[in-house]
Amino acid sequence: MLGYAKTLNVCRKVSNSIFLLKVSTFTEGEIYFVWLQRYISDVLDVEDPSWRSSKKDKILIKIPKHNKLSDKINKIIRIASKIKYVEELAEFLERINKINYDIKSGAIIDEKVCDSNIASLRRIKRLKTLLKYNNSSISSTSVDNLINHVIDIKTRNDDFEDLLNDEDNFNFNQLYKEITNLQFVENFEAENHFDTSY
């Protein structure tokens, strides 16, 4: 399918996900799609890095045959949720950094600091897009476990070091690091399902 170079240049500057849809007249109106921003970065920028400065008005866009709208609605929902996901991931990182600081400094044993961290964890529990789509197995239950640990510290003055050895610690650390490799994780997950991220 041919796309206009000027339109593609605008697409890559927009933060909302933009999809190109193609209706097939050969397969009873089956609809195929491609996520344009990711296609630009993963395909066009790799295969034809000079496409932006090229004098061509139209550029060939290869829509993957496996991107049937009827089969991949969850993929589209996940892509469309990406902006909210990144926003919630940034909030998660900010709150977890503060909690980690309080743990390492020992301030977590102070009642007001402890209450503040419990409130932060309850806010993290409301980050529904992050908890639904993260690749680190962090769920609402994981956050509940962490809240319970902090409550234990507050009510029984437990050793705050126990919090660092929580069974979900590995998964929280993976989610914490996810911001640095979002596209890698998306590509890895897609390849494992014989799919593309775009």
C-alpha atoms as a PDB file:
ATOM      1  CA  MET A   1       0.000   0.000   0.000  1.00  0.00           C
ATOM      2  CA  LEU A   2       1.316   3.455  -0.792  1.00  0.00           C
ATOM      3  CA  GLY A   3       1.479   6.180   1.834  1.00  0.00           C
ATOM      4  CA  TYR A   4       2.171   9.853   1.322  1.00  0.00           C
ATOM      5  CA  ALA A   5       5.579  10.958   2.613  1.00  0.00           C
ATOM      6  CA  LYS A   6       4.204  14.223   4.058  1.00  0.00           C
ATOM      7  CA  THR A   7       1.486  12.343   5.940  1.00  0.00           C
ATOM      8  CA  LEU A   8       4.023   9.856   7.322  1.00  0.00           C
ATOM      9  CA  ASN A   9       6.208  12.735   8.533  1.00  0.00           C
ATOM     10  CA  VAL A  10       3.229  14.173  10.417  1.00  0.00           C
ATOM     11  CA  CYS A  11       2.353  10.725  11.850  1.00  0.00           C
ATOM     12  CA  ARG A  12       5.753  10.257  13.424  1.00  0.00           C
ATOM     13  CA  LYS A  13       5.383  13.563  15.286  1.00  0.00           C
ATOM     14  CA  VAL A  14       1.986  12.725  16.822  1.00  0.00           C
ATOM     15  CA  SER A  15       1.942  10.982  20.190  1.00  0.00           C
ATOM     16  CA  ASN A  16      -1.413   9.225  19.681  1.00  0.00           C
ATOM     17  CA  SER A  17      -1.208   5.895  17.899  1.00  0.00           C
ATOM     18  CA  ILE A  18      -2.126   6.156  14.237  1.00  0.00           C
ATOM     19  CA  PHE A  19      -3.124   3.066  12.261  1.00  0.00           C
ATOM     20  CA  LEU A  20      -3.318   2.564   8.527  1.00  0.00           C
ATOM     21  CA  LEU A  21      -6.205   0.261   7.619  1.00  0.00           C
ATOM     22  CA  LYS A  22      -6.636  -1.643   4.394  1.00  0.00           C
ATOM     23  CA  VAL A  23      -9.871  -3.341   3.450  1.00  0.00           C
ATOM     24  CA  SER A  24      -9.316  -6.365   1.256  1.00  0.00           C
ATOM     25  CA  THR A  25     -11.760  -6.839  -1.598  1.00  0.00           C
ATOM     26  CA  PHE A  26     -10.427 -10.362  -2.135  1.00  0.00           C
ATOM     27  CA  THR A  27     -11.240 -11.808   1.291  1.00  0.00           C
ATOM     28  CA  GLU A  28     -14.799 -10.577   1.883  1.00  0.00           C
ATOM     29  CA  GLY A  29     -13.827  -7.239   3.366  1.00  0.00           C
ATOM     30  CA  GLU A  30     -11.175  -8.475   5.812  1.00  0.00           C
ATOM     31  CA  ILE A  31      -9.416  -5.469   7.365  1.00  0.00           C
ATOM     32  CA  TYR A  32      -5.635  -5.358   7.851  1.00  0.00           C
ATOM     33  CA  PHE A  33      -3.718  -2.739   9.811  1.00  0.00           C
ATOM     34  CA  VAL A  34      -0.280  -1.381  10.609  1.00  0.00           C
ATOM     35  CA  TRP A  35       0.763   0.934  13.460  1.00  0.00           C
ATOM     36  CA  LEU A  36       2.354   3.747  11.464  1.00  0.00           C
ATOM     37  CA  GLN A  37       4.663   5.331  14.070  1.00  0.00           C
ATOM     38  CA  ARG A  38       6.255   1.993  14.934  1.00  0.00           C
ATOM     39  CA  TYR A  39       6.388   0.943  11.274  1.00  0.00           C
ATOM     40  CA  ILE A  40       8.275   4.157  10.518  1.00  0.00           C
ATOM     41  CA  SER A  41      10.879   3.535  13.243  1.00  0.00           C
ATOM     42  CA  ASP A  42      11.207  -0.244  12.774  1.00  0.00           C
ATOM     43  CA  VAL A  43      10.940  -0.544   8.997  1.00  0.00           C
ATOM     44  CA  LEU A  44      11.202   2.719   7.039  1.00  0.00           C
ATOM     45  CA  ASP A  45      14.015   4.236   9.110  1.00  0.00           C
ATOM     46  CA  VAL A  46      15.974   0.971   8.818  1.00  0.00           C
ATOM     47  CA  GLU A  47      15.292   0.008   5.193  1.00  0.00           C
ATOM     48  CA  ASP A  48      15.274   3.529   3.696  1.00  0.00           C
ATOM     49  CA  PRO A  49      16.831   6.022   6.165  1.00  0.00           C
ATOM     50  CA  SER A  50      16.641   8.851   3.624  1.00  0.00           C
ATOM     51  CA  TRP A  51      12.897   8.530   3.028  1.00  0.00           C
ATOM     52  CA  ARG A  52      12.182  11.862   4.766  1.00  0.00           C
ATOM     53  CA  SER A  53      14.459  13.863   2.493  1.00  0.00           C
ATOM     54  CA  SER A  54      13.589  11.888  -0.617  1.00  0.00           C
ATOM     55  CA  LYS A  55      11.773  13.601  -3.472  1.00  0.00           C
ATOM     56  CA  LYS A  56       9.274  10.710  -3.583  1.00  0.00           C
ATOM     57  CA  ASP A  57       5.685  11.714  -2.842  1.00  0.00           C
ATOM     58  CA  LYS A  58       4.594   8.174  -2.051  1.00  0.00           C
ATOM     59  CA  ILE A  59       6.249   5.445  -0.002  1.00  0.00           C
ATOM     60  CA  LEU A  60       5.426   1.738  -0.041  1.00  0.00           C
ATOM     61  CA  ILE A  61       4.023   0.481   3.271  1.00  0.00           C
ATOM     62  CA  LYS A  62       3.930  -3.288   3.690  1.00  0.00           C
ATOM     63  CA  ILE A  63       1.034  -4.228   5.938  1.00  0.00           C
ATOM     64  CA  PRO A  64       1.758  -7.584   7.598  1.00  0.00           C
ATOM     65  CA  LYS A  65      -0.708 -10.296   6.525  1.00  0.00           C
ATOM     66  CA  HIS A  66      -0.940 -11.497  10.121  1.00  0.00           C
ATOM     67  CA  ASN A  67      -2.306  -8.080  11.208  1.00  0.00           C
ATOM     68  CA  LYS A  68      -5.954  -8.944  10.602  1.00  0.00           C
ATOM     69  CA  LEU A  69      -8.141  -6.601  12.590  1.00  0.00           C
ATOM     70  CA  SER A  70     -10.534  -9.415  13.512  1.00  0.00           C
ATOM     71  CA  ASP A  71      -7.677 -11.503  15.002  1.00  0.00           C
ATOM     72  CA  LYS A  72      -5.620  -8.737  16.621  1.00  0.00           C
ATOM     73  CA  ILE A  73      -8.046  -6.423  18.401  1.00  0.00           C
ATOM     74  CA  ASN A  74      -6.126  -6.939  21.674  1.00  0.00           C
ATOM     75  CA  LYS A  75      -2.919  -5.835  19.942  1.00  0.00           C
ATOM     76  CA  ILE A  76      -4.608  -2.622  18.832  1.00  0.00           C
ATOM     77  CA  ILE A  77      -5.952  -1.999  22.341  1.00  0.00           C
ATOM     78  CA  ARG A  78      -2.461  -2.512  23.782  1.00  0.00           C
ATOM     79  CA  ILE A  79      -0.879  -0.155  21.240  1.00  0.00           C
ATOM     80  CA  ALA A  80      -3.599   2.465  21.826  1.00  0.00           C
ATOM     81  CA  SER A  81      -2.956   2.180  25.589  1.00  0.00           C
ATOM     82  CA  LYS A  82       0.755   2.903  25.243  1.00  0.00           C
ATOM     83  CA  ILE A  83       0.587   6.633  26.033  1.00  0.00           C
ATOM     84  CA  LYS A  84      -1.390   5.973  29.213  1.00  0.00           C
ATOM     85  CA  TYR A  85       0.952   3.070  30.033  1.00  0.00           C
ATOM     86  CA  VAL A  86       4.076   5.243  29.769  1.00  0.00           C
ATOM     87  CA  GLU A  87       2.388   7.996  31.802  1.00  0.00           C
ATOM     88  CA  GLU A  88       1.527   5.497  34.550  1.00  0.00           C
ATOM     89  CA  LEU A  89       4.985   3.910  34.366  1.00  0.00           C
ATOM     90  CA  ALA A  90       6.533   7.354  34.975  1.00  0.00           C
ATOM     91  CA  GLU A  91       4.285   7.851  38.005  1.00  0.00           C
ATOM     92  CA  PHE A  92       5.163   4.356  39.252  1.00  0.00           C
ATOM     93  CA  LEU A  93       8.893   5.107  38.953  1.00  0.00           C
ATOM     94  CA  GLU A  94       8.542   8.403  40.811  1.00  0.00           C
ATOM     95  CA  ARG A  95       6.616   6.804  43.678  1.00  0.00           C
ATOM     96  CA  ILE A  96       8.837   3.712  43.903  1.00  0.00           C
ATOM     97  CA  ASN A  97      11.979   5.891  43.907  1.00  0.00           C
ATOM     98  CA  LYS A  98      10.610   7.775  46.927  1.00  0.00           C
ATOM     99  CA  ILE A  99       9.704   4.531  48.711  1.00  0.00           C
ATOM    100  CA  ASN A 100      13.144   3.045  47.949  1.00  0.00           C
ATOM    101  CA  TYR A 101      14.792   6.187  49.304  1.00  0.00           C
ATOM    102  CA  ASP A 102      12.746   5.948  52.503  1.00  0.00           C
ATOM    103  CA  ILE A 103      13.660   2.272  52.885  1.00  0.00           C
ATOM    104  CA  LYS A 104      17.394   2.801  52.328  1.00  0.00           C
ATOM    105  CA  SER A 105      17.532   5.837  54.599  1.00  0.00           C
ATOM    106  CA  GLY A 106      15.580   4.124  57.364  1.00  0.00           C
ATOM    107  CA  ALA A 107      12.913   6.849  57.273  1.00  0.00           C
ATOM    108  CA  ILE A 108      10.284   4.186  56.535  1.00  0.00           C
ATOM    109  CA  ILE A 109       9.973   3.474  60.266  1.00  0.00           C
ATOM    110  CA  ASP A 110       8.642   7.000  60.882  1.00  0.00           C
ATOM    111  CA  GLU A 111       4.838   6.814  61.109  1.00  0.00           C
ATOM    112  CA  LYS A 112       4.152   9.808  58.830  1.00  0.00           C
ATOM    113  CA  VAL A 113       6.618   8.567  56.207  1.00  0.00           C
ATOM    114  CA  CYS A 114       5.104   5.100  56.446  1.00  0.00           C
ATOM    115  CA  ASP A 115       1.574   6.506  55.963  1.00  0.00           C
ATOM    116  CA  SER A 116       2.778   8.532  52.975  1.00  0.00           C
ATOM    117  CA  ASN A 117       4.295   5.404  51.404  1.00  0.00           C
ATOM    118  CA  ILE A 118       1.120   3.408  51.999  1.00  0.00           C
ATOM    119  CA  ALA A 119      -0.844   6.184  50.247  1.00  0.00           C
ATOM    120  CA  SER A 120       1.652   6.068  47.345  1.00  0.00           C
ATOM    121  CA  LEU A 121       1.291   2.305  47.042  1.00  0.00           C
ATOM    122  CA  ARG A 122      -2.497   2.626  47.065  1.00  0.00           C
ATOM    123  CA  ARG A 123      -2.139   5.140  44.226  1.00  0.00           C
ATOM    124  CA  ILE A 124       0.073   2.652  42.350  1.00  0.00           C
ATOM    125  CA  LYS A 125      -2.689   0.085  42.771  1.00  0.00           C
ATOM    126  CA  ARG A 126      -4.986   2.449  40.822  1.00  0.00           C
ATOM    127  CA  LEU A 127      -2.610   2.532  37.822  1.00  0.00           C
ATOM    128  CA  LYS A 128      -4.853   0.094  35.962  1.00  0.00           C
ATOM    129  CA  THR A 129      -3.218   0.308  32.518  1.00  0.00           C
ATOM    130  CA  LEU A 130       0.235  -0.304  34.002  1.00  0.00           C
ATOM    131  CA  LEU A 131      -0.940  -3.247  36.085  1.00  0.00           C
ATOM    132  CA  LYS A 132      -2.809  -4.776  33.148  1.00  0.00           C
ATOM    133  CA  TYR A 133      -0.141  -4.480  30.449  1.00  0.00           C
ATOM    134  CA  ASN A 134       3.225  -4.681  32.226  1.00  0.00           C
ATOM    135  CA  ASN A 135       5.551  -7.507  31.248  1.00  0.00           C
ATOM    136  CA  SER A 136       6.848  -8.037  34.774  1.00  0.00           C
ATOM    137  CA  SER A 137       3.970  -9.986  36.363  1.00  0.00           C
ATOM    138  CA  ILE A 138       3.196  -7.086  38.695  1.00  0.00           C
ATOM    139  CA  SER A 139      -0.472  -7.144  39.585  1.00  0.00           C
ATOM    140  CA  SER A 140      -2.805  -5.564  42.065  1.00  0.00           C
ATOM    141  CA  THR A 141      -2.000  -8.511  44.359  1.00  0.00           C
ATOM    142  CA  SER A 142       1.723  -7.726  44.166  1.00  0.00           C
ATOM    143  CA  VAL A 143       1.033  -4.157  45.251  1.00  0.00           C
ATOM    144  CA  ASP A 144      -1.228  -5.441  48.057  1.00  0.00           C
ATOM    145  CA  ASN A 145       1.647  -7.624  49.294  1.00  0.00           C
ATOM    146  CA  LEU A 146       3.926  -4.596  49.372  1.00  0.00           C
ATOM    147  CA  ILE A 147       1.290  -2.512  51.166  1.00  0.00           C
ATOM    148  CA  ASN A 148       0.953  -5.258  53.786  1.00  0.00           C
ATOM    149  CA  HIS A 149       4.731  -5.281  54.324  1.00  0.00           C
ATOM    150  CA  VAL A 150       4.747  -1.520  54.879  1.00  0.00           C
ATOM    151  CA  ILE A 151       1.761  -1.809  57.256  1.00  0.00           C
ATOM    152  CA  ASP A 152       3.674  -4.523  59.156  1.00  0.00           C
ATOM    153  CA  ILE A 153       6.620  -2.151  59.487  1.00  0.00           C
ATOM    154  CA  LYS A 154       4.291   0.539  60.826  1.00  0.00           C
ATOM    155  CA  THR A 155       2.344  -1.623  63.273  1.00  0.00           C
ATOM    156  CA  ARG A 156       5.050  -3.959  64.526  1.00  0.00           C
ATOM    157  CA  ASN A 157       8.220  -1.994  63.833  1.00  0.00           C
ATOM    158  CA  ASP A 158       9.508  -4.901  61.742  1.00  0.00           C
ATOM    159  CA  ASP A 159      12.923  -4.659  60.227  1.00  0.00           C
ATOM    160  CA  PHE A 160      12.524  -2.630  57.034  1.00  0.00           C
ATOM    161  CA  GLU A 161      15.175  -4.773  55.330  1.00  0.00           C
ATOM    162  CA  ASP A 162      12.526  -7.509  55.007  1.00  0.00           C
ATOM    163  CA  LEU A 163      10.701  -5.266  52.564  1.00  0.00           C
ATOM    164  CA  LEU A 164      13.644  -5.432  50.166  1.00  0.00           C
ATOM    165  CA  ASN A 165      13.506  -9.237  50.112  1.00  0.00           C
ATOM    166  CA  ASP A 166       9.829  -9.467  49.201  1.00  0.00           C
ATOM    167  CA  GLU A 167       8.867 -12.346  46.889  1.00  0.00           C
ATOM    168  CA  ASP A 168       7.729  -9.777  44.323  1.00  0.00           C
ATOM    169  CA  ASN A 169      11.021  -7.866  44.548  1.00  0.00           C
ATOM    170  CA  PHE A 170      12.368  -9.295  41.265  1.00  0.00           C
ATOM    171  CA  ASN A 171       9.179  -8.387  39.382  1.00  0.00           C
ATOM    172  CA  PHE A 172       9.085  -4.868  40.840  1.00  0.00           C
ATOM    173  CA  ASN A 173      12.717  -4.405  39.799  1.00  0.00           C
ATOM    174  CA  GLN A 174      11.918  -5.629  36.279  1.00  0.00           C
ATOM    175  CA  LEU A 175       9.050  -3.157  36.020  1.00  0.00           C
ATOM    176  CA  TYR A 176      11.316  -0.434  37.412  1.00  0.00           C
ATOM    177  CA  LYS A 177      13.813  -1.124  34.599  1.00  0.00           C
ATOM    178  CA  GLU A 178      11.155  -1.431  31.893  1.00  0.00           C
ATOM    179  CA  ILE A 179      11.264   2.264  30.971  1.00  0.00           C
ATOM    180  CA  THR A 180      14.786   1.783  29.622  1.00  0.00           C
ATOM    181  CA  ASN A 181      13.851  -0.991  27.223  1.00  0.00           C
ATOM    182  CA  LEU A 182      10.183  -0.644  26.269  1.00  0.00           C
ATOM    183  CA  GLN A 183      10.690  -1.226  22.560  1.00  0.00           C
ATOM    184  CA  PHE A 184      13.012  -4.171  23.171  1.00  0.00           C
ATOM    185  CA  VAL A 185      10.405  -5.841  25.383  1.00  0.00           C
ATOM    186  CA  GLU A 186       7.632  -5.148  22.857  1.00  0.00           C
ATOM    187  CA  ASN A 187       9.722  -6.621  20.025  1.00  0.00           C
ATOM    188  CA  PHE A 188      10.730  -9.637  22.106  1.00  0.00           C
ATOM    189  CA  GLU A 189       7.138 -10.348  23.094  1.00  0.00           C
ATOM    190  CA  ALA A 190       5.911  -9.952  19.506  1.00  0.00           C
ATOM    191  CA  GLU A 191       8.608 -12.239  18.103  1.00  0.00           C
ATOM    192  CA  ASN A 192       7.735 -14.921  20.648  1.00  0.00           C
ATOM    193  CA  HIS A 193       4.179 -14.837  19.306  1.00  0.00           C
ATOM    194  CA  PHE A 194       5.343 -14.837  15.656  1.00  0.00           C
ATOM    195  CA  ASP A 195       4.099 -11.302  15.301  1.00  0.00           C
ATOM    196  CA  THR A 196       5.455  -7.777  14.765  1.00  0.00           C
ATOM    197  CA  SER A 197       5.194  -4.881  17.188  1.00  0.00           C
ATOM    198  CA  TYR A 198       3.792  -2.709  14.437  1.00  0.00           C
END
